């Protein structure tokens, strides 16, 4: 599809701007949650690199795993940053759930 690659690039640019903004805010304010959010948005940006590879090249297992794992890990970091923002203890169950999800993604794509 000819419109899909430009759409992914445009969304990737928006995500890069978000990551840069949160990184800049972290440098200015040194709040832990801003740094965690910057990492989350940066990983979401990496997801679009994998997605661009999927759109422009043939689908392969590495690109699919990278896309899904980056999406899951970025969600973990965004959730962790939100817990830091509202000053609540981050439940360890989310870490274990994320690790199980990553294992599930790898297992389901390979098998």
N, C-alpha and C. Protein backbone atom coordinates (compact mmCIF):
# COMPACT_ATOMS: atom_id res chain seq x y z
N UNK A 1 0.84 -1.18 0.00
CA UNK A 1 0.00 0.00 0.00
C UNK A 1 0.89 1.24 0.00
N UNK A 2 0.61 2.14 -0.91
CA UNK A 2 1.48 3.29 -1.09
C UNK A 2 1.34 4.35 0.00
N UNK A 3 0.22 4.40 0.68
CA UNK A 3 0.01 5.43 1.70
C UNK A 3 0.49 5.00 3.07
N UNK A 4 0.77 3.73 3.28
CA UNK A 4 1.09 3.24 4.61
C UNK A 4 2.47 3.70 5.10
N UNK A 5 3.47 3.66 4.25
CA UNK A 5 4.81 4.08 4.66
C UNK A 5 4.85 5.56 5.05
N UNK A 6 4.25 6.48 4.27
CA UNK A 6 4.25 7.88 4.71
C UNK A 6 3.47 8.09 6.02
N UNK A 7 2.42 7.32 6.22
CA UNK A 7 1.65 7.44 7.47
C UNK A 7 2.49 6.99 8.66
N UNK A 8 3.25 5.93 8.48
CA UNK A 8 4.12 5.45 9.56
C UNK A 8 5.22 6.48 9.84
N UNK A 9 5.77 7.07 8.79
CA UNK A 9 6.82 8.09 8.96
C UNK A 9 6.27 9.32 9.68
N UNK A 10 5.07 9.74 9.33
CA UNK A 10 4.47 10.90 9.99
C UNK A 10 4.22 10.62 11.47
N UNK A 11 3.72 9.45 11.77
CA UNK A 11 3.48 9.08 13.16
C UNK A 11 4.80 8.92 13.91
N UNK A 12 5.81 8.41 13.22
CA UNK A 12 7.12 8.29 13.83
C UNK A 12 7.70 9.67 14.17
N UNK A 13 7.49 10.64 13.31
CA UNK A 13 7.97 11.99 13.57
C UNK A 13 7.26 12.58 14.78
N UNK A 14 5.96 12.36 14.89
CA UNK A 14 5.22 12.85 16.06
C UNK A 14 5.74 12.22 17.34
N UNK A 15 6.02 10.94 17.30
CA UNK A 15 6.53 10.25 18.47
C UNK A 15 7.93 10.73 18.84
N UNK A 16 8.75 11.02 17.84
CA UNK A 16 10.09 11.56 18.10
C UNK A 16 9.99 12.92 18.78
N UNK A 17 9.04 13.73 18.36
CA UNK A 17 8.83 15.04 18.99
C UNK A 17 8.41 14.86 20.45
N UNK A 18 7.49 13.91 20.70
CA UNK A 18 7.07 13.64 22.08
C UNK A 18 8.25 13.20 22.94
N UNK A 19 9.07 12.30 22.42
CA UNK A 19 10.24 11.82 23.17
C UNK A 19 11.20 12.97 23.45
N UNK A 20 11.42 13.81 22.46
CA UNK A 20 12.32 14.95 22.64
C UNK A 20 11.77 15.93 23.67
N UNK A 21 10.48 16.19 23.63
CA UNK A 21 9.87 17.12 24.59
C UNK A 21 10.03 16.61 26.02
N UNK A 22 9.73 15.33 26.22
CA UNK A 22 9.87 14.78 27.57
C UNK A 22 11.32 14.74 28.02
N UNK A 23 12.25 14.46 27.11
CA UNK A 23 13.66 14.48 27.45
C UNK A 23 14.10 15.90 27.81
N UNK A 24 13.65 16.87 27.05
CA UNK A 24 13.98 18.27 27.33
C UNK A 24 13.41 18.69 28.69
N UNK A 25 12.16 18.31 28.96
CA UNK A 25 11.56 18.65 30.25
C UNK A 25 12.31 17.97 31.40
N UNK A 26 12.77 16.74 31.15
CA UNK A 26 13.55 16.06 32.17
C UNK A 26 14.86 16.80 32.45
N UNK A 27 15.53 17.26 31.39
CA UNK A 27 16.77 18.00 31.58
C UNK A 27 16.55 19.32 32.33
N UNK A 28 15.39 19.93 32.13
CA UNK A 28 15.10 21.19 32.80
C UNK A 28 14.67 20.99 34.25
N UNK A 29 13.89 19.96 34.51
CA UNK A 29 13.24 19.79 35.81
C UNK A 29 13.81 18.66 36.67
N UNK A 30 14.48 17.70 36.04
CA UNK A 30 15.08 16.55 36.72
C UNK A 30 14.08 15.75 37.56
N UNK A 31 12.86 15.66 37.07
CA UNK A 31 11.86 14.81 37.73
C UNK A 31 11.96 13.41 37.15
N UNK A 32 11.93 12.42 38.03
CA UNK A 32 12.13 11.04 37.60
C UNK A 32 11.08 10.60 36.59
N UNK A 33 9.84 10.98 36.79
CA UNK A 33 8.77 10.54 35.89
C UNK A 33 8.95 11.10 34.49
N UNK A 34 9.51 12.28 34.35
CA UNK A 34 9.75 12.83 33.01
C UNK A 34 10.80 12.01 32.26
N UNK A 35 11.83 11.56 32.95
CA UNK A 35 12.84 10.72 32.33
C UNK A 35 12.27 9.36 31.93
N UNK A 36 11.43 8.81 32.79
CA UNK A 36 10.81 7.51 32.48
C UNK A 36 9.88 7.66 31.28
N UNK A 37 9.12 8.74 31.23
CA UNK A 37 8.25 8.97 30.08
C UNK A 37 9.06 9.16 28.80
N UNK A 38 10.20 9.85 28.91
CA UNK A 38 11.06 10.04 27.73
C UNK A 38 11.55 8.69 27.20
N UNK A 39 11.91 7.79 28.11
CA UNK A 39 12.33 6.45 27.69
C UNK A 39 11.17 5.72 27.03
N UNK A 40 9.98 5.83 27.62
CA UNK A 40 8.80 5.18 27.05
C UNK A 40 8.50 5.65 25.64
N UNK A 41 8.53 6.97 25.43
CA UNK A 41 8.25 7.49 24.09
C UNK A 41 9.38 7.15 23.12
N UNK A 42 10.61 7.08 23.61
CA UNK A 42 11.73 6.70 22.73
C UNK A 42 11.58 5.25 22.26
N UNK A 43 11.16 4.37 23.17
CA UNK A 43 10.93 2.98 22.77
C UNK A 43 9.76 2.86 21.81
N UNK A 44 8.77 3.71 21.99
CA UNK A 44 7.64 3.71 21.05
C UNK A 44 8.10 4.19 19.67
N UNK A 45 9.06 5.12 19.64
CA UNK A 45 9.65 5.56 18.39
C UNK A 45 10.38 4.39 17.70
N UNK A 46 11.11 3.61 18.48
CA UNK A 46 11.82 2.45 17.93
C UNK A 46 10.82 1.46 17.34
N UNK A 47 9.65 1.36 17.95
CA UNK A 47 8.60 0.49 17.42
C UNK A 47 8.26 0.86 15.97
N UNK A 48 8.21 2.14 15.69
CA UNK A 48 7.88 2.58 14.34
C UNK A 48 9.00 2.27 13.35
N UNK A 49 10.22 2.18 13.82
CA UNK A 49 11.31 1.76 12.93
C UNK A 49 11.07 0.32 12.48
N UNK A 50 10.71 -0.54 13.44
CA UNK A 50 10.37 -1.92 13.08
C UNK A 50 9.15 -1.96 12.16
N UNK A 51 8.16 -1.13 12.46
CA UNK A 51 6.94 -1.12 11.65
C UNK A 51 7.24 -0.65 10.22
N UNK A 52 8.12 0.31 10.09
CA UNK A 52 8.50 0.77 8.76
C UNK A 52 9.19 -0.34 7.99
N UNK A 53 10.00 -1.14 8.68
CA UNK A 53 10.61 -2.30 8.04
C UNK A 53 9.57 -3.32 7.60
N UNK A 54 8.54 -3.50 8.41
CA UNK A 54 7.47 -4.44 8.05
C UNK A 54 6.71 -3.94 6.83
N UNK A 55 6.46 -2.63 6.78
CA UNK A 55 5.68 -2.06 5.68
C UNK A 55 6.47 -2.06 4.38
N UNK A 56 7.75 -1.71 4.43
CA UNK A 56 8.52 -1.57 3.20
C UNK A 56 9.16 -2.88 2.74
N UNK A 57 9.49 -3.73 3.68
CA UNK A 57 10.12 -5.01 3.31
C UNK A 57 9.12 -6.13 3.57
N UNK A 58 9.59 -7.31 3.35
CA UNK A 58 8.74 -8.46 3.67
C UNK A 58 8.68 -8.63 5.18
N UNK A 59 7.57 -9.17 5.62
CA UNK A 59 7.44 -9.45 7.05
C UNK A 59 8.39 -10.58 7.41
N UNK A 60 9.15 -10.37 8.46
CA UNK A 60 9.93 -11.47 9.00
C UNK A 60 9.75 -11.48 10.51
N UNK A 61 10.15 -12.55 11.13
CA UNK A 61 9.90 -12.76 12.55
C UNK A 61 10.58 -11.71 13.42
N UNK A 62 11.80 -11.33 13.07
CA UNK A 62 12.54 -10.35 13.87
C UNK A 62 11.82 -9.02 13.92
N UNK A 63 11.32 -8.56 12.78
CA UNK A 63 10.61 -7.27 12.74
C UNK A 63 9.30 -7.32 13.53
N UNK A 64 8.59 -8.43 13.41
CA UNK A 64 7.34 -8.57 14.16
C UNK A 64 7.59 -8.60 15.66
N UNK A 65 8.60 -9.35 16.09
CA UNK A 65 8.93 -9.40 17.52
C UNK A 65 9.37 -8.03 18.01
N UNK A 66 10.23 -7.38 17.27
CA UNK A 66 10.69 -6.04 17.67
C UNK A 66 9.55 -5.05 17.79
N UNK A 67 8.63 -5.08 16.85
CA UNK A 67 7.48 -4.19 16.86
C UNK A 67 6.63 -4.40 18.11
N UNK A 68 6.27 -5.64 18.37
CA UNK A 68 5.39 -5.94 19.49
C UNK A 68 6.08 -5.76 20.84
N UNK A 69 7.33 -6.17 20.94
CA UNK A 69 8.05 -6.05 22.21
C UNK A 69 8.29 -4.58 22.55
N UNK A 70 8.66 -3.77 21.57
CA UNK A 70 8.84 -2.33 21.83
C UNK A 70 7.55 -1.68 22.27
N UNK A 71 6.45 -2.09 21.68
CA UNK A 71 5.15 -1.56 22.08
C UNK A 71 4.84 -1.92 23.52
N UNK A 72 5.07 -3.15 23.91
CA UNK A 72 4.79 -3.60 25.26
C UNK A 72 5.71 -2.94 26.28
N UNK A 73 6.99 -2.86 25.98
CA UNK A 73 7.93 -2.26 26.92
C UNK A 73 7.70 -0.76 27.05
N UNK A 74 7.35 -0.09 25.97
CA UNK A 74 7.07 1.34 26.07
C UNK A 74 5.82 1.58 26.93
N UNK A 75 4.83 0.72 26.79
CA UNK A 75 3.65 0.82 27.65
C UNK A 75 4.02 0.64 29.11
N UNK A 76 4.93 -0.29 29.39
CA UNK A 76 5.41 -0.50 30.75
C UNK A 76 6.05 0.77 31.30
N UNK A 77 6.93 1.39 30.52
CA UNK A 77 7.60 2.60 30.98
C UNK A 77 6.62 3.77 31.16
N UNK A 78 5.66 3.89 30.26
CA UNK A 78 4.67 4.96 30.41
C UNK A 78 3.81 4.74 31.66
N UNK A 79 3.47 3.51 31.95
CA UNK A 79 2.71 3.20 33.17
C UNK A 79 3.56 3.45 34.41
N UNK A 80 4.81 3.06 34.37
CA UNK A 80 5.71 3.29 35.50
C UNK A 80 5.88 4.80 35.74
N UNK A 81 6.05 5.56 34.68
CA UNK A 81 6.16 7.01 34.83
C UNK A 81 4.90 7.62 35.41
N UNK A 82 3.76 7.10 35.05
CA UNK A 82 2.50 7.60 35.60
C UNK A 82 2.42 7.31 37.10
N UNK A 83 2.86 6.12 37.51
CA UNK A 83 2.88 5.82 38.94
C UNK A 83 3.83 6.76 39.69
N UNK A 84 4.96 7.07 39.08
CA UNK A 84 5.89 8.02 39.70
C UNK A 84 5.27 9.41 39.78
N UNK A 85 4.53 9.79 38.74
CA UNK A 85 3.90 11.11 38.70
C UNK A 85 2.87 11.28 39.82
N UNK A 86 2.06 10.26 40.04
CA UNK A 86 1.03 10.35 41.08
C UNK A 86 1.58 9.92 42.44
N UNK A 87 2.88 9.63 42.49
CA UNK A 87 3.58 9.32 43.74
C UNK A 87 3.02 8.09 44.43
N UNK A 88 2.80 7.05 43.64
CA UNK A 88 2.36 5.76 44.18
C UNK A 88 3.41 4.71 43.88
N UNK A 89 3.48 3.71 44.74
CA UNK A 89 4.42 2.62 44.55
C UNK A 89 4.01 1.82 43.32
N UNK A 90 5.00 1.50 42.50
CA UNK A 90 4.73 0.75 41.27
C UNK A 90 4.61 -0.73 41.61
N UNK A 91 3.47 -1.34 41.31
CA UNK A 91 3.29 -2.76 41.63
C UNK A 91 4.21 -3.65 40.78
N UNK A 92 4.87 -4.59 41.45
CA UNK A 92 5.80 -5.48 40.75
C UNK A 92 5.09 -6.42 39.79
N UNK A 93 3.78 -6.60 39.97
CA UNK A 93 3.03 -7.49 39.08
C UNK A 93 3.10 -7.02 37.64
N UNK A 94 3.23 -5.70 37.42
CA UNK A 94 3.31 -5.18 36.05
C UNK A 94 4.61 -5.59 35.37
N UNK A 95 5.69 -5.65 36.15
CA UNK A 95 6.96 -6.11 35.59
C UNK A 95 6.85 -7.58 35.18
N UNK A 96 6.29 -8.39 36.06
CA UNK A 96 6.15 -9.82 35.75
C UNK A 96 5.20 -10.03 34.57
N UNK A 97 4.13 -9.26 34.53
CA UNK A 97 3.18 -9.36 33.42
C UNK A 97 3.85 -8.98 32.10
N UNK A 98 4.68 -7.95 32.13
CA UNK A 98 5.40 -7.53 30.93
C UNK A 98 6.36 -8.61 30.47
N UNK A 99 7.08 -9.21 31.39
CA UNK A 99 8.02 -10.28 31.03
C UNK A 99 7.28 -11.49 30.47
N UNK A 100 6.14 -11.83 31.04
CA UNK A 100 5.33 -12.92 30.51
C UNK A 100 4.82 -12.56 29.12
N UNK A 101 4.41 -11.30 28.94
CA UNK A 101 3.93 -10.85 27.63
C UNK A 101 5.01 -10.93 26.56
N UNK A 102 6.24 -10.54 26.92
CA UNK A 102 7.35 -10.62 25.97
C UNK A 102 7.61 -12.07 25.58
N UNK A 103 7.60 -12.95 26.58
CA UNK A 103 7.79 -14.38 26.30
C UNK A 103 6.69 -14.91 25.40
N UNK A 104 5.47 -14.49 25.65
CA UNK A 104 4.33 -14.91 24.86
C UNK A 104 4.47 -14.43 23.41
N UNK A 105 4.90 -13.21 23.23
CA UNK A 105 5.07 -12.65 21.88
C UNK A 105 6.12 -13.46 21.11
N UNK A 106 7.26 -13.69 21.74
CA UNK A 106 8.33 -14.44 21.07
C UNK A 106 7.87 -15.85 20.75
N UNK A 107 7.23 -16.52 21.71
CA UNK A 107 6.76 -17.88 21.50
C UNK A 107 5.72 -17.94 20.38
N UNK A 108 4.76 -17.02 20.40
CA UNK A 108 3.68 -17.08 19.41
C UNK A 108 4.17 -16.78 17.99
N UNK A 109 5.17 -15.93 17.84
CA UNK A 109 5.66 -15.61 16.49
C UNK A 109 6.54 -16.73 15.95
N UNK A 110 7.35 -17.34 16.80
CA UNK A 110 8.22 -18.40 16.33
C UNK A 110 7.49 -19.73 16.14
N UNK A 111 6.48 -19.97 16.94
CA UNK A 111 5.80 -21.26 16.85
C UNK A 111 4.40 -21.10 16.33
